[in-house]
Protein backbone atom coordinates (compact mmCIF):
# COMPACT_ATOMS: atom_id res chain seq x y z
CA MET A 1 0.00 0.00 0.00
CA SER A 2 2.90 2.35 0.34
CA GLY A 3 3.30 4.69 -2.55
CA MET A 4 -0.44 4.87 -3.19
CA PRO A 5 -1.77 8.41 -3.45
CA LYS A 6 -4.14 9.58 -0.75
CA ILE A 7 -7.42 10.44 -2.41
CA ASN A 8 -9.63 10.86 0.64
CA ALA A 9 -9.53 14.30 2.17
CA THR A 10 -11.62 15.59 5.01
CA THR A 11 -13.39 18.90 4.84
CA LYS A 12 -15.28 20.89 7.43
CA ALA A 13 -19.04 20.62 7.08
CA THR A 14 -20.99 23.83 6.63
CA SER A 15 -24.63 24.69 7.14
CA GLY A 16 -25.09 24.09 3.41
CA ASP A 17 -24.22 20.43 4.00
CA ALA A 18 -26.89 19.90 6.69
CA GLU A 19 -29.53 18.47 4.34
CA THR A 20 -27.17 15.88 2.86
CA ILE A 21 -25.71 14.95 6.23
CA SER A 22 -29.10 14.54 7.89
CA ARG A 23 -30.37 12.34 5.05
CA THR A 24 -27.22 10.21 5.13
CA LEU A 25 -27.47 9.69 8.89
CA ALA A 26 -31.21 8.97 8.69
CA LEU A 27 -30.61 6.28 6.09
CA ALA A 28 -27.67 4.87 8.06
CA PHE A 29 -29.81 4.35 11.16
CA ASP A 30 -33.05 3.39 9.41
CA ASP A 31 -32.71 -0.30 10.25
CA ASP A 32 -31.32 0.20 13.76
CA PRO A 33 -33.57 -1.64 16.26
CA MET A 34 -33.69 1.28 18.70
CA MET A 35 -34.58 3.76 15.95
CA ARG A 36 -37.30 1.41 14.73
CA TRP A 37 -38.67 1.40 18.27
CA PHE A 38 -38.57 5.23 18.47
CA PHE A 39 -40.07 5.61 14.97
CA PRO A 40 -42.11 2.44 14.28
CA GLU A 41 -43.85 3.69 11.12
CA ASP A 42 -41.80 2.99 7.99
CA THR A 43 -43.47 5.88 6.16
CA THR A 44 -42.41 8.53 8.69
CA ARG A 45 -39.15 7.13 10.11
CA GLU A 46 -36.81 8.99 7.76
CA ALA A 47 -38.45 12.33 8.51
CA GLY A 48 -38.24 11.65 12.25
CA LEU A 49 -34.62 10.64 12.07
CA ARG A 50 -33.73 13.68 9.98
CA ARG A 51 -35.08 16.02 12.63
């Protein structure tokens, strides 16, 4: 692996990134058992998690 270029760079999130970040996190936790308990309805879970 040595000699491979680093292509991943971190950047600081801004308020303009909030929509994308909240959707990504909502989708990431959609099938989490605790989140399914908090938000049992499939049709409204994403919206609840995004808040």
